Amino acid sequence: MPKTLSPREVSQELLARIGQGRYAELAELYAQDAVVETVFEPVGPRRFEGRAVLEERLAAVAAASPVELTPANVVIRETDDPEVVVAEWDYRVHHRVTGRTFETANIQVLRVRDGLIVTSRDFHDHLALVMAGDGLPQLVRALEAGQRG
């Protein structure tokens, strides 16, 4: 029987796979009923429920993402709750379309039970990624359309 990963190890594995572009393998780190919240997502859903939904979202990201993300300056803090870790890191971002390279800060609060992520609150700088891809006009249009709905 394989060893169950600790919350710290799961967080490290998640970042390693992202840095290696292994998005198709990320969903297996989540519980079947996992809930992921992308708190600062400017447009679209901010809450994803269930591994199947995450698999679809991650497949879409893998197919369409124009960025390469390299985690750096990673600090993982354990909390007084043995299931919860707080990870802080920078992404070194390279936008393959515009050629821009920059760093952006991230924080993620993970609850890991039996070696699987059951909840994740993700605080990523989505606006920096939009700006790197010259996507500000599209973002403004999407925000305006959402306000009318």
C-alpha atoms as a PDB file:
ATOM      1  CA  MET A   1       0.000   0.000   0.000  1.00  0.00           C
ATOM      2  CA  PRO A   2       1.469   3.386  -0.994  1.00  0.00           C
ATOM      3  CA  LYS A   3       2.273   5.901   1.733  1.00  0.00           C
ATOM      4  CA  THR A   4      -0.336   8.629   2.240  1.00  0.00           C
ATOM      5  CA  LEU A   5       1.181  12.057   1.624  1.00  0.00           C
ATOM      6  CA  SER A   6       1.083  14.665   4.381  1.00  0.00           C
ATOM      7  CA  PRO A   7      -0.590  18.031   3.692  1.00  0.00           C
ATOM      8  CA  ARG A   8       2.874  19.575   3.213  1.00  0.00           C
ATOM      9  CA  GLU A   9       3.870  16.849   0.745  1.00  0.00           C
ATOM     10  CA  VAL A  10       0.606  17.227  -1.191  1.00  0.00           C
ATOM     11  CA  SER A  11       1.185  20.976  -1.487  1.00  0.00           C
ATOM     12  CA  GLN A  12       4.751  20.368  -2.679  1.00  0.00           C
ATOM     13  CA  GLU A  13       3.567  17.778  -5.207  1.00  0.00           C
ATOM     14  CA  LEU A  14       0.871  20.112  -6.525  1.00  0.00           C
ATOM     15  CA  LEU A  15       3.402  22.879  -7.151  1.00  0.00           C
ATOM     16  CA  ALA A  16       5.910  20.457  -8.675  1.00  0.00           C
ATOM     17  CA  ARG A  17       3.346  19.190 -11.185  1.00  0.00           C
ATOM     18  CA  ILE A  18       2.287  22.729 -12.088  1.00  0.00           C
ATOM     19  CA  GLY A  19       5.914  23.705 -12.628  1.00  0.00           C
ATOM     20  CA  GLN A  20       6.374  20.677 -14.881  1.00  0.00           C
ATOM     21  CA  GLY A  21       3.221  21.494 -16.858  1.00  0.00           C
ATOM     22  CA  ARG A  22       1.580  18.232 -15.730  1.00  0.00           C
ATOM     23  CA  TYR A  23      -1.928  19.725 -15.471  1.00  0.00           C
ATOM     24  CA  ALA A  24      -3.627  16.495 -16.521  1.00  0.00           C
ATOM     25  CA  GLU A  25      -2.224  14.877 -13.357  1.00  0.00           C
ATOM     26  CA  LEU A  26      -3.366  17.555 -10.915  1.00  0.00           C
ATOM     27  CA  ALA A  27      -6.948  16.359 -10.396  1.00  0.00           C
ATOM     28  CA  GLU A  28      -5.754  13.082  -8.870  1.00  0.00           C
ATOM     29  CA  LEU A  29      -4.448  15.094  -5.912  1.00  0.00           C
ATOM     30  CA  TYR A  30      -8.013  16.161  -5.053  1.00  0.00           C
ATOM     31  CA  ALA A  31     -10.756  14.237  -3.233  1.00  0.00           C
ATOM     32  CA  GLN A  32     -13.849  13.240  -5.203  1.00  0.00           C
ATOM     33  CA  ASP A  33     -15.889  15.922  -3.406  1.00  0.00           C
ATOM     34  CA  ALA A  34     -13.165  18.597  -3.259  1.00  0.00           C
ATOM     35  CA  VAL A  35     -14.082  22.271  -3.291  1.00  0.00           C
ATOM     36  CA  VAL A  36     -11.705  24.815  -4.839  1.00  0.00           C
ATOM     37  CA  GLU A  37     -12.252  28.547  -4.546  1.00  0.00           C
ATOM     38  CA  THR A  38     -10.282  30.963  -6.726  1.00  0.00           C
ATOM     39  CA  VAL A  39     -10.955  34.026  -4.607  1.00  0.00           C
ATOM     40  CA  PHE A  40      -9.545  36.703  -6.928  1.00  0.00           C
ATOM     41  CA  GLU A  41     -10.815  35.294 -10.254  1.00  0.00           C
ATOM     42  CA  PRO A  42     -12.073  38.450 -12.023  1.00  0.00           C
ATOM     43  CA  VAL A  43     -14.583  36.777 -14.371  1.00  0.00           C
ATOM     44  CA  GLY A  44     -16.314  33.437 -14.374  1.00  0.00           C
ATOM     45  CA  PRO A  45     -16.829  30.948 -11.617  1.00  0.00           C
ATOM     46  CA  ARG A  46     -14.862  31.268  -8.414  1.00  0.00           C
ATOM     47  CA  ARG A  47     -15.958  27.952  -6.918  1.00  0.00           C
ATOM     48  CA  PHE A  48     -15.446  24.484  -8.346  1.00  0.00           C
ATOM     49  CA  GLU A  49     -16.955  21.416  -6.710  1.00  0.00           C
ATOM     50  CA  GLY A  50     -15.881  17.832  -7.332  1.00  0.00           C
ATOM     51  CA  ARG A  51     -12.908  16.139  -8.930  1.00  0.00           C
ATOM     52  CA  ALA A  52     -14.755  15.679 -12.248  1.00  0.00           C
ATOM     53  CA  VAL A  53     -15.332  19.443 -12.534  1.00  0.00           C
ATOM     54  CA  LEU A  54     -11.690  20.070 -11.663  1.00  0.00           C
ATOM     55  CA  GLU A  55     -10.545  17.565 -14.291  1.00  0.00           C
ATOM     56  CA  GLU A  56     -12.521  19.466 -16.944  1.00  0.00           C
ATOM     57  CA  ARG A  57     -11.179  22.832 -15.811  1.00  0.00           C
ATOM     58  CA  LEU A  58      -7.591  21.607 -15.661  1.00  0.00           C
ATOM     59  CA  ALA A  59      -7.889  20.006 -19.116  1.00  0.00           C
ATOM     60  CA  ALA A  60      -9.065  23.343 -20.487  1.00  0.00           C
ATOM     61  CA  VAL A  61      -6.163  25.138 -18.789  1.00  0.00           C
ATOM     62  CA  ALA A  62      -3.683  22.608 -20.157  1.00  0.00           C
ATOM     63  CA  ALA A  63      -5.051  22.962 -23.685  1.00  0.00           C
ATOM     64  CA  ALA A  64      -5.241  26.748 -23.782  1.00  0.00           C
ATOM     65  CA  SER A  65      -2.793  28.227 -21.305  1.00  0.00           C
ATOM     66  CA  PRO A  66      -0.210  30.451 -22.971  1.00  0.00           C
ATOM     67  CA  VAL A  67       1.941  30.641 -19.839  1.00  0.00           C
ATOM     68  CA  GLU A  68       4.707  28.604 -18.302  1.00  0.00           C
ATOM     69  CA  LEU A  69       4.638  28.757 -14.494  1.00  0.00           C
ATOM     70  CA  THR A  70       7.693  28.055 -12.384  1.00  0.00           C
ATOM     71  CA  PRO A  71       7.123  28.092  -8.617  1.00  0.00           C
ATOM     72  CA  ALA A  72       9.864  29.916  -6.683  1.00  0.00           C
ATOM     73  CA  ASN A  73      10.427  31.124  -3.137  1.00  0.00           C
ATOM     74  CA  VAL A  74       8.042  28.472  -1.817  1.00  0.00           C
ATOM     75  CA  VAL A  75       7.210  28.574   1.888  1.00  0.00           C
ATOM     76  CA  ILE A  76       4.730  26.066   3.318  1.00  0.00           C
ATOM     77  CA  ARG A  77       3.442  26.736   6.792  1.00  0.00           C
ATOM     78  CA  GLU A  78       1.768  24.141   8.921  1.00  0.00           C
ATOM     79  CA  THR A  79      -1.069  25.328  11.146  1.00  0.00           C
ATOM     80  CA  ASP A  80      -2.572  24.274  14.464  1.00  0.00           C
ATOM     81  CA  ASP A  81      -4.999  22.173  12.385  1.00  0.00           C
ATOM     82  CA  PRO A  82      -3.003  19.117  11.203  1.00  0.00           C
ATOM     83  CA  GLU A  83      -5.016  18.958   7.954  1.00  0.00           C
ATOM     84  CA  VAL A  84      -4.321  22.571   6.923  1.00  0.00           C
ATOM     85  CA  VAL A  85      -1.252  24.123   5.342  1.00  0.00           C
ATOM     86  CA  VAL A  86      -0.721  27.600   3.954  1.00  0.00           C
ATOM     87  CA  ALA A  87       1.588  27.830   0.960  1.00  0.00           C
ATOM     88  CA  GLU A  88       3.151  31.087  -0.207  1.00  0.00           C
ATOM     89  CA  TRP A  89       5.177  31.284  -3.401  1.00  0.00           C
ATOM     90  CA  ASP A  90       5.967  33.311  -6.463  1.00  0.00           C
ATOM     91  CA  TYR A  91       5.341  32.124  -9.970  1.00  0.00           C
ATOM     92  CA  ARG A  92       8.017  32.986 -12.462  1.00  0.00           C
ATOM     93  CA  VAL A  93       5.764  33.445 -15.447  1.00  0.00           C
ATOM     94  CA  HIS A  94       6.703  33.289 -19.101  1.00  0.00           C
ATOM     95  CA  HIS A  95       3.925  34.223 -21.517  1.00  0.00           C
ATOM     96  CA  ARG A  96       4.637  32.284 -24.710  1.00  0.00           C
ATOM     97  CA  VAL A  97       2.543  34.582 -26.925  1.00  0.00           C
ATOM     98  CA  THR A  98       3.700  38.024 -25.782  1.00  0.00           C
ATOM     99  CA  GLY A  99       7.128  36.932 -24.577  1.00  0.00           C
ATOM    100  CA  ARG A 100       6.655  38.728 -21.277  1.00  0.00           C
ATOM    101  CA  THR A 101       8.394  37.308 -18.223  1.00  0.00           C
ATOM    102  CA  PHE A 102       7.570  38.397 -14.690  1.00  0.00           C
ATOM    103  CA  GLU A 103       6.886  37.178 -11.140  1.00  0.00           C
ATOM    104  CA  THR A 104       3.578  37.119  -9.341  1.00  0.00           C
ATOM    105  CA  ALA A 105       2.765  36.240  -5.724  1.00  0.00           C
ATOM    106  CA  ASN A 106       0.393  33.460  -4.648  1.00  0.00           C
ATOM    107  CA  ILE A 107      -1.124  32.114  -1.462  1.00  0.00           C
ATOM    108  CA  GLN A 108      -3.044  28.877  -1.142  1.00  0.00           C
ATOM    109  CA  VAL A 109      -4.792  27.442   1.892  1.00  0.00           C
ATOM    110  CA  LEU A 110      -5.187  23.679   1.564  1.00  0.00           C
ATOM    111  CA  ARG A 111      -7.088  21.201   3.701  1.00  0.00           C
ATOM    112  CA  VAL A 112      -5.729  17.721   3.026  1.00  0.00           C
ATOM    113  CA  ARG A 113      -7.343  14.583   4.390  1.00  0.00           C
ATOM    114  CA  ASP A 114      -6.040  11.059   3.772  1.00  0.00           C
ATOM    115  CA  GLY A 115      -3.514  12.438   1.274  1.00  0.00           C
ATOM    116  CA  LEU A 116      -6.085  14.270  -0.896  1.00  0.00           C
ATOM    117  CA  ILE A 117      -7.030  17.941  -1.095  1.00  0.00           C
ATOM    118  CA  VAL A 118     -10.573  18.400   0.214  1.00  0.00           C
ATOM    119  CA  THR A 119     -10.653  22.209   0.116  1.00  0.00           C
ATOM    120  CA  SER A 120      -8.458  24.836  -1.441  1.00  0.00           C
ATOM    121  CA  ARG A 121      -8.717  28.608  -1.249  1.00  0.00           C
ATOM    122  CA  ASP A 122      -6.451  30.022  -3.934  1.00  0.00           C
ATOM    123  CA  PHE A 123      -5.279  33.633  -3.928  1.00  0.00           C
ATOM    124  CA  HIS A 124      -3.554  34.146  -7.287  1.00  0.00           C
ATOM    125  CA  ASP A 125      -2.959  37.401  -9.155  1.00  0.00           C
ATOM    126  CA  HIS A 126      -5.183  36.664 -12.154  1.00  0.00           C
ATOM    127  CA  LEU A 127      -4.998  40.280 -13.285  1.00  0.00           C
ATOM    128  CA  ALA A 128      -1.220  40.030 -13.768  1.00  0.00           C
ATOM    129  CA  LEU A 129      -1.762  37.070 -16.102  1.00  0.00           C
ATOM    130  CA  VAL A 130      -4.456  38.957 -18.033  1.00  0.00           C
ATOM    131  CA  MET A 131      -2.149  41.958 -18.418  1.00  0.00           C
ATOM    132  CA  ALA A 132       0.761  39.784 -19.581  1.00  0.00           C
ATOM    133  CA  GLY A 133      -1.396  38.464 -22.415  1.00  0.00           C
ATOM    134  CA  ASP A 134      -2.697  41.873 -23.457  1.00  0.00           C
ATOM    135  CA  GLY A 135      -6.142  40.673 -22.364  1.00  0.00           C
ATOM    136  CA  LEU A 136      -7.299  43.789 -20.518  1.00  0.00           C
ATOM    137  CA  PRO A 137      -9.804  44.883 -23.224  1.00  0.00           C
ATOM    138  CA  GLN A 138     -11.424  41.423 -23.211  1.00  0.00           C
ATOM    139  CA  LEU A 139     -11.543  41.432 -19.417  1.00  0.00           C
ATOM    140  CA  VAL A 140     -13.244  44.836 -19.330  1.00  0.00           C
ATOM    141  CA  ARG A 141     -15.836  43.651 -21.874  1.00  0.00           C
ATOM    142  CA  ALA A 142     -16.499  40.508 -19.850  1.00  0.00           C
ATOM    143  CA  LEU A 143     -16.881  42.521 -16.642  1.00  0.00           C
ATOM    144  CA  GLU A 144     -19.236  44.990 -18.318  1.00  0.00           C
ATOM    145  CA  ALA A 145     -21.333  42.145 -19.749  1.00  0.00           C
ATOM    146  CA  GLY A 146     -21.549  40.564 -16.296  1.00  0.00           C
ATOM    147  CA  GLN A 147     -22.773  43.801 -14.739  1.00  0.00           C
ATOM    148  CA  ARG A 148     -25.608  44.034 -17.266  1.00  0.00           C
ATOM    149  CA  GLY A 149     -26.726  40.450 -16.614  1.00  0.00           C
END
